[in-house]
């Protein structure tokens, strides 16, 4: 079974920025923290492909349709956001072994949706790393095509894994295939 990893770069960036800022480590540690995060996600599994998606620096197509879109979000004024975004841009330039997806007017969740749709057509599964709960609508599986989409995020130092409804049907069917490349290593104790 082929498994891709789709990383929401804005989620990773925000999570790291607020943690580092709170601990007075932002300026000395942001770049390395971004690298460490990508390395740790890559260690989850030998993924077929790894995608790092980011929101456009320009106004989103959604903002063009509805001017109040995300208007209630506030940035912490104590954080040097120019430094943050410059560091993030520099980090993305140095990323190897991952496809960076960012385009004018496109948000990261648009990229995630597109990747999931296209890879599922090829029978590929996806692990999506994000805290965007709208992405949960992409969590589904297809027994015949042998793919499943999962979501992971970390909240308050707890890693959460989100599975599609009725996922047990998928695991039961996959465990019956007796494939040596079964990413779930299923056995009678698969629960």
N, C-alpha and C. Protein backbone atom coordinates (compact mmCIF):
# COMPACT_ATOMS: atom_id res chain seq x y z
N UNK A 1 0.85 -1.18 0.00
CA UNK A 1 0.00 0.00 0.00
C UNK A 1 0.90 1.25 0.00
N UNK A 2 0.56 2.19 -0.86
CA UNK A 2 1.32 3.43 -0.93
C UNK A 2 0.70 4.45 0.02
N UNK A 3 1.56 5.13 0.78
CA UNK A 3 1.11 6.12 1.76
C UNK A 3 1.90 7.41 1.57
N UNK A 4 1.17 8.49 1.39
CA UNK A 4 1.77 9.82 1.27
C UNK A 4 1.60 10.57 2.59
N UNK A 5 2.47 11.52 2.82
CA UNK A 5 2.36 12.40 3.98
C UNK A 5 2.13 13.82 3.46
N UNK A 6 1.06 14.44 3.93
CA UNK A 6 0.73 15.80 3.52
C UNK A 6 0.81 16.67 4.77
N UNK A 7 1.74 17.60 4.80
CA UNK A 7 1.99 18.43 5.97
C UNK A 7 1.49 19.84 5.72
N UNK A 8 0.63 20.30 6.59
CA UNK A 8 0.13 21.68 6.55
C UNK A 8 1.22 22.57 7.16
N UNK A 9 1.98 23.22 6.30
CA UNK A 9 3.10 24.04 6.74
C UNK A 9 2.68 25.18 7.66
N UNK A 10 1.51 25.76 7.42
CA UNK A 10 1.04 26.86 8.27
C UNK A 10 0.72 26.38 9.67
N UNK A 11 0.21 25.17 9.78
CA UNK A 11 -0.05 24.58 11.10
C UNK A 11 1.26 24.38 11.85
N UNK A 12 2.25 23.78 11.19
CA UNK A 12 3.54 23.54 11.83
C UNK A 12 4.18 24.86 12.23
N UNK A 13 4.16 25.83 11.33
CA UNK A 13 4.75 27.13 11.61
C UNK A 13 4.10 27.79 12.83
N UNK A 14 2.78 27.84 12.84
CA UNK A 14 2.07 28.49 13.96
C UNK A 14 2.35 27.79 15.28
N UNK A 15 2.29 26.48 15.26
CA UNK A 15 2.54 25.70 16.48
C UNK A 15 3.93 26.01 17.04
N UNK A 16 4.92 26.03 16.15
CA UNK A 16 6.29 26.29 16.59
C UNK A 16 6.49 27.74 17.04
N UNK A 17 5.94 28.68 16.27
CA UNK A 17 6.13 30.09 16.60
C UNK A 17 5.60 30.41 17.99
N UNK A 18 4.39 29.99 18.30
CA UNK A 18 3.81 30.32 19.59
C UNK A 18 4.54 29.63 20.74
N UNK A 19 4.99 28.40 20.52
CA UNK A 19 5.75 27.69 21.56
C UNK A 19 7.10 28.35 21.78
N UNK A 20 7.81 28.63 20.70
CA UNK A 20 9.14 29.24 20.82
C UNK A 20 9.05 30.65 21.39
N UNK A 21 8.08 31.41 20.95
CA UNK A 21 7.92 32.78 21.44
C UNK A 21 7.65 32.79 22.95
N UNK A 22 6.79 31.90 23.37
CA UNK A 22 6.44 31.80 24.80
C UNK A 22 7.67 31.49 25.65
N UNK A 23 8.61 30.74 25.07
CA UNK A 23 9.82 30.33 25.79
C UNK A 23 11.04 31.19 25.44
N UNK A 24 10.81 32.33 24.78
CA UNK A 24 11.89 33.26 24.39
C UNK A 24 12.98 32.59 23.55
N UNK A 25 12.57 31.72 22.64
CA UNK A 25 13.52 30.99 21.79
C UNK A 25 13.29 31.21 20.30
N UNK A 26 12.35 32.09 19.96
CA UNK A 26 11.95 32.24 18.57
C UNK A 26 13.13 32.56 17.65
N UNK A 27 13.92 33.56 17.98
CA UNK A 27 14.97 34.02 17.07
C UNK A 27 16.09 33.01 16.89
N UNK A 28 16.40 32.27 17.90
CA UNK A 28 17.52 31.33 17.77
C UNK A 28 17.14 29.94 17.32
N UNK A 29 15.85 29.63 17.32
CA UNK A 29 15.47 28.23 17.14
C UNK A 29 14.45 27.94 16.05
N UNK A 30 13.83 28.93 15.47
CA UNK A 30 12.73 28.67 14.54
C UNK A 30 13.15 27.81 13.35
N UNK A 31 14.22 28.17 12.68
CA UNK A 31 14.63 27.43 11.49
C UNK A 31 14.90 25.97 11.84
N UNK A 32 15.66 25.74 12.91
CA UNK A 32 16.00 24.37 13.32
C UNK A 32 14.75 23.61 13.75
N UNK A 33 13.83 24.28 14.41
CA UNK A 33 12.59 23.63 14.83
C UNK A 33 11.76 23.19 13.62
N UNK A 34 11.73 24.01 12.59
CA UNK A 34 11.03 23.63 11.35
C UNK A 34 11.69 22.39 10.73
N UNK A 35 13.01 22.40 10.66
CA UNK A 35 13.73 21.24 10.12
C UNK A 35 13.46 19.99 10.94
N UNK A 36 13.53 20.12 12.27
CA UNK A 36 13.30 18.98 13.15
C UNK A 36 11.89 18.42 12.99
N UNK A 37 10.91 19.29 12.82
CA UNK A 37 9.54 18.84 12.63
C UNK A 37 9.42 18.01 11.36
N UNK A 38 9.97 18.51 10.27
CA UNK A 38 9.90 17.79 9.00
C UNK A 38 10.61 16.43 9.12
N UNK A 39 11.76 16.42 9.76
CA UNK A 39 12.50 15.17 9.95
C UNK A 39 11.68 14.18 10.76
N UNK A 40 11.05 14.66 11.84
CA UNK A 40 10.28 13.75 12.70
C UNK A 40 9.07 13.18 11.95
N UNK A 41 8.41 13.97 11.13
CA UNK A 41 7.28 13.45 10.37
C UNK A 41 7.73 12.43 9.33
N UNK A 42 8.88 12.68 8.73
CA UNK A 42 9.39 11.74 7.73
C UNK A 42 9.74 10.40 8.35
N UNK A 43 10.03 10.38 9.65
CA UNK A 43 10.39 9.14 10.34
C UNK A 43 9.18 8.28 10.67
N UNK A 44 7.96 8.80 10.53
CA UNK A 44 6.76 8.02 10.82
C UNK A 44 6.71 6.75 9.98
N UNK A 45 7.11 6.88 8.72
CA UNK A 45 6.94 5.79 7.77
C UNK A 45 7.72 6.15 6.50
N UNK A 46 8.21 5.17 5.74
CA UNK A 46 8.86 5.50 4.46
C UNK A 46 7.80 5.87 3.41
N UNK A 47 7.33 7.09 3.49
CA UNK A 47 6.24 7.56 2.64
C UNK A 47 6.60 7.51 1.17
N UNK A 48 5.58 7.30 0.34
CA UNK A 48 5.75 7.33 -1.10
C UNK A 48 6.17 8.74 -1.52
N UNK A 49 5.43 9.75 -1.03
CA UNK A 49 5.75 11.15 -1.27
C UNK A 49 5.43 11.95 -0.02
N UNK A 50 6.16 13.03 0.16
CA UNK A 50 5.88 13.97 1.24
C UNK A 50 5.61 15.32 0.60
N UNK A 51 4.50 15.93 1.00
CA UNK A 51 4.11 17.24 0.50
C UNK A 51 4.09 18.22 1.67
N UNK A 52 4.65 19.39 1.46
CA UNK A 52 4.57 20.48 2.43
C UNK A 52 3.77 21.58 1.74
N UNK A 53 2.57 21.85 2.25
CA UNK A 53 1.69 22.83 1.62
C UNK A 53 1.63 24.08 2.46
N UNK A 54 1.49 25.22 1.80
CA UNK A 54 1.44 26.51 2.49
C UNK A 54 0.38 27.40 1.87
N UNK A 55 -0.16 28.27 2.71
CA UNK A 55 -1.07 29.30 2.22
C UNK A 55 -0.32 30.28 1.33
N UNK A 56 -1.03 30.86 0.40
CA UNK A 56 -0.47 31.90 -0.45
C UNK A 56 -0.12 33.12 0.39
N UNK A 57 0.92 33.82 -0.03
CA UNK A 57 1.27 35.08 0.62
C UNK A 57 0.30 36.19 0.20
N UNK A 58 -0.36 35.95 -0.90
CA UNK A 58 -1.31 36.92 -1.42
C UNK A 58 -2.72 36.61 -0.91
N UNK A 59 -3.63 37.49 -1.18
CA UNK A 59 -5.01 37.32 -0.76
C UNK A 59 -5.60 36.04 -1.36
N UNK A 60 -6.25 35.26 -0.51
CA UNK A 60 -6.87 34.01 -0.91
C UNK A 60 -8.07 34.27 -1.82
N UNK A 61 -8.37 33.30 -2.67
CA UNK A 61 -9.56 33.40 -3.52
C UNK A 61 -10.82 33.50 -2.65
N UNK A 62 -10.78 32.90 -1.47
CA UNK A 62 -11.93 32.99 -0.57
C UNK A 62 -12.11 34.42 -0.05
N UNK A 63 -11.00 35.09 0.23
CA UNK A 63 -11.05 36.46 0.71
C UNK A 63 -11.59 37.38 -0.40
N UNK A 64 -11.28 37.05 -1.64
CA UNK A 64 -11.82 37.83 -2.76
C UNK A 64 -13.33 37.68 -2.87
N UNK A 65 -13.84 36.50 -2.50
CA UNK A 65 -15.28 36.26 -2.55
C UNK A 65 -16.01 36.85 -1.35
N UNK A 66 -15.38 36.78 -0.18
CA UNK A 66 -16.01 37.25 1.06
C UNK A 66 -14.97 38.01 1.87
N UNK A 67 -15.08 39.32 1.89
CA UNK A 67 -14.07 40.16 2.53
C UNK A 67 -13.92 39.90 4.03
N UNK A 68 -14.94 39.35 4.68
CA UNK A 68 -14.83 39.09 6.12
C UNK A 68 -14.19 37.74 6.43
N UNK A 69 -13.79 36.99 5.40
CA UNK A 69 -13.18 35.68 5.60
C UNK A 69 -11.93 35.82 6.47
N UNK A 70 -11.89 35.09 7.57
CA UNK A 70 -10.79 35.10 8.54
C UNK A 70 -10.53 36.47 9.15
N UNK A 71 -11.51 37.36 9.11
CA UNK A 71 -11.30 38.73 9.61
C UNK A 71 -11.22 38.80 11.13
N UNK A 72 -11.68 37.78 11.82
CA UNK A 72 -11.64 37.82 13.28
C UNK A 72 -10.32 37.28 13.84
N UNK A 73 -9.47 36.74 12.99
CA UNK A 73 -8.18 36.22 13.46
C UNK A 73 -7.24 37.39 13.76
N UNK A 74 -6.60 37.28 14.91
CA UNK A 74 -5.66 38.33 15.33
C UNK A 74 -4.27 37.73 15.46
N UNK A 75 -3.28 38.48 15.02
CA UNK A 75 -1.90 38.07 15.20
C UNK A 75 -1.37 38.65 16.50
N UNK A 76 -0.59 37.87 17.20
CA UNK A 76 0.05 38.36 18.43
C UNK A 76 1.01 39.49 18.03
N UNK A 77 0.75 40.69 18.53
CA UNK A 77 1.54 41.85 18.10
C UNK A 77 2.96 41.82 18.66
N UNK A 78 3.22 40.97 19.65
CA UNK A 78 4.57 40.86 20.20
C UNK A 78 5.51 40.05 19.32
N UNK A 79 4.96 39.30 18.40
CA UNK A 79 5.76 38.43 17.53
C UNK A 79 6.19 39.19 16.29
N UNK A 80 7.45 39.05 15.94
CA UNK A 80 7.99 39.68 14.73
C UNK A 80 7.62 38.79 13.53
N UNK A 81 6.45 39.06 12.95
CA UNK A 81 5.95 38.21 11.88
C UNK A 81 6.78 38.31 10.61
N UNK A 82 7.44 39.42 10.37
CA UNK A 82 8.33 39.52 9.21
C UNK A 82 9.47 38.51 9.36
N UNK A 83 10.07 38.46 10.54
CA UNK A 83 11.12 37.47 10.81
C UNK A 83 10.58 36.05 10.61
N UNK A 84 9.39 35.78 11.14
CA UNK A 84 8.79 34.45 11.05
C UNK A 84 8.62 34.04 9.59
N UNK A 85 8.00 34.90 8.79
CA UNK A 85 7.73 34.54 7.39
C UNK A 85 9.01 34.50 6.55
N UNK A 86 9.97 35.37 6.85
CA UNK A 86 11.26 35.31 6.15
C UNK A 86 11.98 33.99 6.46
N UNK A 87 11.95 33.60 7.73
CA UNK A 87 12.58 32.34 8.13
C UNK A 87 11.89 31.15 7.48
N UNK A 88 10.57 31.19 7.45
CA UNK A 88 9.80 30.11 6.84
C UNK A 88 10.10 30.01 5.34
N UNK A 89 10.18 31.15 4.66
CA UNK A 89 10.53 31.15 3.23
C UNK A 89 11.92 30.56 3.02
N UNK A 90 12.86 30.93 3.87
CA UNK A 90 14.22 30.40 3.76
C UNK A 90 14.22 28.89 4.01
N UNK A 91 13.47 28.45 4.99
CA UNK A 91 13.36 27.02 5.29
C UNK A 91 12.82 26.26 4.07
N UNK A 92 11.75 26.76 3.45
CA UNK A 92 11.15 26.08 2.30
C UNK A 92 12.14 25.96 1.15
N UNK A 93 12.99 26.95 0.98
CA UNK A 93 13.99 26.88 -0.10
C UNK A 93 14.98 25.73 0.11
N UNK A 94 15.23 25.38 1.37
CA UNK A 94 16.20 24.33 1.67
C UNK A 94 15.62 22.94 1.82
N UNK A 95 14.32 22.81 1.70
CA UNK A 95 13.68 21.50 1.90
C UNK A 95 14.02 20.57 0.74
N UNK A 96 14.47 19.38 1.12
CA UNK A 96 14.75 18.34 0.13
C UNK A 96 13.85 17.14 0.45
N UNK A 97 13.59 16.33 -0.52
CA UNK A 97 12.78 15.12 -0.36
C UNK A 97 11.34 15.41 0.06
N UNK A 98 10.85 16.58 -0.29
CA UNK A 98 9.44 16.91 -0.08
C UNK A 98 9.04 17.89 -1.17
N UNK A 99 7.84 17.75 -1.65
CA UNK A 99 7.31 18.65 -2.67
C UNK A 99 6.66 19.83 -1.96
N UNK A 100 7.13 21.05 -2.24
CA UNK A 100 6.58 22.26 -1.66
C UNK A 100 5.48 22.76 -2.59
N UNK A 101 4.29 22.98 -2.04
CA UNK A 101 3.18 23.48 -2.84
C UNK A 101 2.67 24.78 -2.23
N UNK A 102 2.83 25.85 -3.00
CA UNK A 102 2.36 27.18 -2.62
C UNK A 102 2.15 27.94 -3.92
N UNK A 103 1.02 28.62 -4.01
CA UNK A 103 0.70 29.32 -5.24
C UNK A 103 -0.18 30.52 -4.92
N UNK A 104 -0.07 31.60 -5.71
CA UNK A 104 -0.86 32.81 -5.44
C UNK A 104 -2.36 32.51 -5.36
N UNK A 105 -2.98 33.01 -4.29
CA UNK A 105 -4.43 32.90 -4.12
C UNK A 105 -4.93 31.57 -3.58
N UNK A 106 -4.03 30.60 -3.42
CA UNK A 106 -4.43 29.25 -3.00
C UNK A 106 -4.03 29.03 -1.54
N UNK A 107 -4.93 28.44 -0.77
CA UNK A 107 -4.65 28.12 0.62
C UNK A 107 -4.15 26.69 0.75
N UNK A 108 -3.50 26.41 1.86
CA UNK A 108 -2.97 25.07 2.10
C UNK A 108 -4.04 23.99 2.06
N UNK A 109 -5.23 24.29 2.60
CA UNK A 109 -6.28 23.26 2.60
C UNK A 109 -6.78 22.97 1.18
N UNK A 110 -6.64 23.93 0.27
CA UNK A 110 -6.97 23.67 -1.14
C UNK A 110 -6.00 22.64 -1.72
N UNK A 111 -4.71 22.83 -1.40
CA UNK A 111 -3.70 21.88 -1.85
C UNK A 111 -3.96 20.50 -1.27
N UNK A 112 -4.27 20.45 0.03
CA UNK A 112 -4.51 19.17 0.69
C UNK A 112 -5.66 18.44 -0.01
N UNK A 113 -6.73 19.13 -0.26
CA UNK A 113 -7.89 18.52 -0.92
C UNK A 113 -7.52 17.99 -2.30
N UNK A 114 -6.79 18.77 -3.06
CA UNK A 114 -6.38 18.34 -4.40
C UNK A 114 -5.48 17.10 -4.34
N UNK A 115 -4.50 17.12 -3.47
CA UNK A 115 -3.57 15.98 -3.35
C UNK A 115 -4.34 14.72 -2.98
N UNK A 116 -5.22 14.83 -1.99
CA UNK A 116 -6.00 13.67 -1.56
C UNK A 116 -6.84 13.13 -2.71
N UNK A 117 -7.53 13.99 -3.41
CA UNK A 117 -8.37 13.53 -4.53
C UNK A 117 -7.54 12.82 -5.60
N UNK A 118 -6.43 13.43 -5.97
CA UNK A 118 -5.61 12.87 -7.05
C UNK A 118 -4.91 11.58 -6.63
N UNK A 119 -4.40 11.51 -5.41
CA UNK A 119 -3.70 10.30 -4.98
C UNK A 119 -4.69 9.16 -4.72
N UNK A 120 -5.88 9.47 -4.23
CA UNK A 120 -6.89 8.43 -4.02
C UNK A 120 -7.30 7.80 -5.35
N UNK A 121 -7.34 8.60 -6.43
CA UNK A 121 -7.65 8.05 -7.76
C UNK A 121 -6.62 6.99 -8.16
N UNK A 122 -5.41 7.11 -7.63
CA UNK A 122 -4.32 6.16 -7.92
C UNK A 122 -4.25 5.05 -6.89
N UNK A 123 -5.20 5.02 -5.94
CA UNK A 123 -5.21 3.99 -4.91
C UNK A 123 -4.19 4.23 -3.80
N UNK A 124 -3.79 5.48 -3.61
CA UNK A 124 -2.81 5.81 -2.58
C UNK A 124 -3.49 6.37 -1.34
N UNK A 125 -2.97 5.99 -0.18
CA UNK A 125 -3.46 6.49 1.11
C UNK A 125 -2.70 7.75 1.49
N UNK A 126 -3.28 8.51 2.45
CA UNK A 126 -2.65 9.76 2.88
C UNK A 126 -2.74 9.93 4.39
N UNK A 127 -1.64 10.38 4.96
CA UNK A 127 -1.62 10.85 6.34
C UNK A 127 -1.51 12.36 6.25
N UNK A 128 -2.52 13.06 6.76
CA UNK A 128 -2.57 14.52 6.68
C UNK A 128 -2.24 15.08 8.06
N UNK A 129 -1.23 15.92 8.12
CA UNK A 129 -0.82 16.52 9.39
C UNK A 129 -1.29 17.96 9.39
N UNK A 130 -2.33 18.23 10.18
CA UNK A 130 -2.93 19.56 10.24
C UNK A 130 -3.80 19.67 11.48
N UNK A 131 -4.15 20.89 11.84
CA UNK A 131 -5.15 21.09 12.90
C UNK A 131 -6.42 21.69 12.32
N UNK A 132 -6.53 21.73 11.00
CA UNK A 132 -7.70 22.27 10.32
C UNK A 132 -8.80 21.21 10.31
N UNK A 133 -9.78 21.37 11.17
CA UNK A 133 -10.81 20.36 11.31
C UNK A 133 -11.72 20.26 10.09
N UNK A 134 -11.67 21.22 9.19
CA UNK A 134 -12.41 21.10 7.94
C UNK A 134 -11.87 19.93 7.10
N UNK A 135 -10.62 19.59 7.32
CA UNK A 135 -9.98 18.51 6.56
C UNK A 135 -10.57 17.16 6.92
N UNK A 136 -11.25 17.06 8.05
CA UNK A 136 -11.85 15.78 8.44
C UNK A 136 -12.80 15.24 7.38
N UNK A 137 -13.35 16.12 6.55
CA UNK A 137 -14.24 15.65 5.49
C UNK A 137 -13.50 14.80 4.45
N UNK A 138 -12.18 14.86 4.45
CA UNK A 138 -11.38 14.07 3.51
C UNK A 138 -11.02 12.69 4.07
N UNK A 139 -11.39 12.44 5.31
CA UNK A 139 -11.06 11.17 5.95
C UNK A 139 -12.08 10.11 5.51
N UNK A 140 -11.67 9.29 4.59
CA UNK A 140 -12.51 8.22 4.08
C UNK A 140 -11.61 7.11 3.57
N UNK A 141 -12.20 6.02 3.17
CA UNK A 141 -11.44 4.90 2.65
C UNK A 141 -12.20 4.24 1.51
N UNK A 142 -11.49 3.41 0.77
CA UNK A 142 -12.10 2.62 -0.29
C UNK A 142 -11.47 1.23 -0.22
N UNK A 143 -12.27 0.26 0.13
CA UNK A 143 -11.77 -1.11 0.29
C UNK A 143 -11.26 -1.67 -1.03
N UNK A 144 -11.98 -1.43 -2.11
CA UNK A 144 -11.57 -1.98 -3.42
C UNK A 144 -10.27 -1.36 -3.92
N UNK A 145 -10.12 -0.06 -3.71
CA UNK A 145 -8.91 0.63 -4.17
C UNK A 145 -7.78 0.55 -3.15
N UNK A 146 -8.08 0.04 -1.95
CA UNK A 146 -7.11 -0.16 -0.87
C UNK A 146 -6.45 1.13 -0.43
N UNK A 147 -7.24 2.18 -0.22
CA UNK A 147 -6.67 3.40 0.34
C UNK A 147 -7.51 3.87 1.53
N UNK A 148 -6.82 4.60 2.40
CA UNK A 148 -7.47 5.22 3.56
C UNK A 148 -6.77 6.55 3.82
N UNK A 149 -7.54 7.55 4.22
CA UNK A 149 -6.97 8.86 4.56
C UNK A 149 -7.13 9.07 6.06
N UNK A 150 -6.03 9.44 6.70
CA UNK A 150 -5.98 9.66 8.14
C UNK A 150 -5.51 11.08 8.41
N UNK A 151 -5.76 11.56 9.60
CA UNK A 151 -5.30 12.91 9.97
C UNK A 151 -4.63 12.83 11.33
N UNK A 152 -3.57 13.59 11.50
CA UNK A 152 -2.86 13.65 12.76
C UNK A 152 -2.56 15.10 13.11
N UNK A 153 -2.62 15.39 14.39
CA UNK A 153 -2.15 16.68 14.88
C UNK A 153 -1.77 16.57 16.34
N UNK A 154 -1.12 17.59 16.82
CA UNK A 154 -0.70 17.63 18.22
C UNK A 154 -1.34 18.84 18.87
N UNK A 155 -2.06 18.58 19.92
CA UNK A 155 -2.68 19.65 20.69
C UNK A 155 -2.30 19.46 22.14
N UNK A 156 -1.73 20.49 22.71
CA UNK A 156 -1.34 20.44 24.12
C UNK A 156 -0.47 19.23 24.41
N UNK A 157 0.53 19.01 23.56
CA UNK A 157 1.49 17.93 23.71
C UNK A 157 0.87 16.54 23.62
N UNK A 158 -0.31 16.43 23.07
CA UNK A 158 -0.94 15.14 22.86
C UNK A 158 -1.16 14.96 21.37
N UNK A 159 -0.65 13.87 20.85
CA UNK A 159 -0.86 13.58 19.44
C UNK A 159 -2.22 12.93 19.26
N UNK A 160 -2.97 13.43 18.30
CA UNK A 160 -4.28 12.87 18.00
C UNK A 160 -4.26 12.30 16.60
N UNK A 161 -4.90 11.15 16.45
CA UNK A 161 -5.07 10.53 15.15
C UNK A 161 -6.57 10.45 14.88
N UNK A 162 -6.97 10.93 13.73
CA UNK A 162 -8.37 10.89 13.33
C UNK A 162 -8.52 9.87 12.20
N UNK A 163 -9.49 9.00 12.36
CA UNK A 163 -9.75 7.93 11.39
C UNK A 163 -11.13 8.12 10.77
N UNK A 164 -11.34 7.60 9.58
CA UNK A 164 -12.66 7.70 8.96
C UNK A 164 -13.70 6.89 9.73
N UNK A 165 -14.95 7.28 9.61
CA UNK A 165 -16.05 6.51 10.17
C UNK A 165 -16.00 5.10 9.59
N UNK A 166 -16.25 4.11 10.42
CA UNK A 166 -16.27 2.70 10.02
C UNK A 166 -14.91 2.21 9.53
N UNK A 167 -13.85 2.82 10.00
CA UNK A 167 -12.50 2.44 9.58
C UNK A 167 -12.20 0.96 9.84
N UNK A 168 -12.86 0.38 10.86
CA UNK A 168 -12.59 -1.02 11.20
C UNK A 168 -12.89 -1.95 10.04
N UNK A 169 -13.88 -1.61 9.23
CA UNK A 169 -14.18 -2.41 8.04
C UNK A 169 -12.97 -2.45 7.11
N UNK A 170 -12.33 -1.31 6.94
CA UNK A 170 -11.15 -1.23 6.08
C UNK A 170 -10.04 -2.10 6.64
N UNK A 171 -9.74 -1.95 7.94
CA UNK A 171 -8.67 -2.72 8.56
C UNK A 171 -8.94 -4.22 8.50
N UNK A 172 -10.19 -4.61 8.71
CA UNK A 172 -10.54 -6.03 8.64
C UNK A 172 -10.29 -6.58 7.25
N UNK A 173 -10.68 -5.84 6.23
CA UNK A 173 -10.49 -6.29 4.85
C UNK A 173 -9.00 -6.33 4.49
N UNK A 174 -8.28 -5.29 4.84
CA UNK A 174 -6.85 -5.22 4.53
C UNK A 174 -6.09 -6.36 5.22
N UNK A 175 -6.47 -6.67 6.46
CA UNK A 175 -5.77 -7.74 7.19
C UNK A 175 -5.97 -9.09 6.51
N UNK A 176 -7.03 -9.25 5.74
CA UNK A 176 -7.28 -10.52 5.06
C UNK A 176 -6.43 -10.68 3.80
N UNK A 177 -5.79 -9.62 3.31
CA UNK A 177 -4.99 -9.69 2.09
C UNK A 177 -3.64 -10.36 2.29
N UNK A 178 -3.14 -10.38 3.54
CA UNK A 178 -1.86 -10.99 3.85
C UNK A 178 -0.73 -10.44 2.96
N UNK A 179 -0.65 -9.13 2.89
CA UNK A 179 0.39 -8.48 2.09
C UNK A 179 1.59 -8.19 2.96
N UNK A 180 2.79 -8.36 2.42
CA UNK A 180 4.01 -8.11 3.20
C UNK A 180 4.27 -6.61 3.35
N UNK A 181 3.70 -5.79 2.49
CA UNK A 181 3.91 -4.34 2.60
C UNK A 181 2.74 -3.64 3.28
N UNK A 182 2.03 -4.37 4.12
CA UNK A 182 0.89 -3.80 4.84
C UNK A 182 1.39 -2.76 5.84
N UNK A 183 1.06 -1.50 5.59
CA UNK A 183 1.58 -0.43 6.45
C UNK A 183 1.02 -0.50 7.86
N UNK A 184 -0.06 -1.23 8.06
CA UNK A 184 -0.68 -1.28 9.38
C UNK A 184 -0.22 -2.48 10.20
N UNK A 185 0.54 -3.41 9.58
CA UNK A 185 1.04 -4.58 10.27
C UNK A 185 -0.06 -5.24 11.09
N UNK A 186 -1.17 -5.47 10.45
CA UNK A 186 -2.35 -5.97 11.15
C UNK A 186 -2.22 -7.45 11.50
N UNK A 187 -2.77 -7.80 12.65
CA UNK A 187 -2.85 -9.18 13.08
C UNK A 187 -4.12 -9.31 13.90
N UNK A 188 -4.26 -10.38 14.67
CA UNK A 188 -5.46 -10.55 15.47
C UNK A 188 -5.60 -9.52 16.57
N UNK A 189 -4.56 -8.78 16.85
CA UNK A 189 -4.58 -7.78 17.91
C UNK A 189 -4.59 -6.37 17.32
N UNK A 190 -5.20 -6.19 16.15
CA UNK A 190 -5.13 -4.91 15.46
C UNK A 190 -5.83 -3.79 16.19
N UNK A 191 -6.73 -4.04 17.13
CA UNK A 191 -7.38 -2.96 17.86
C UNK A 191 -6.35 -2.16 18.63
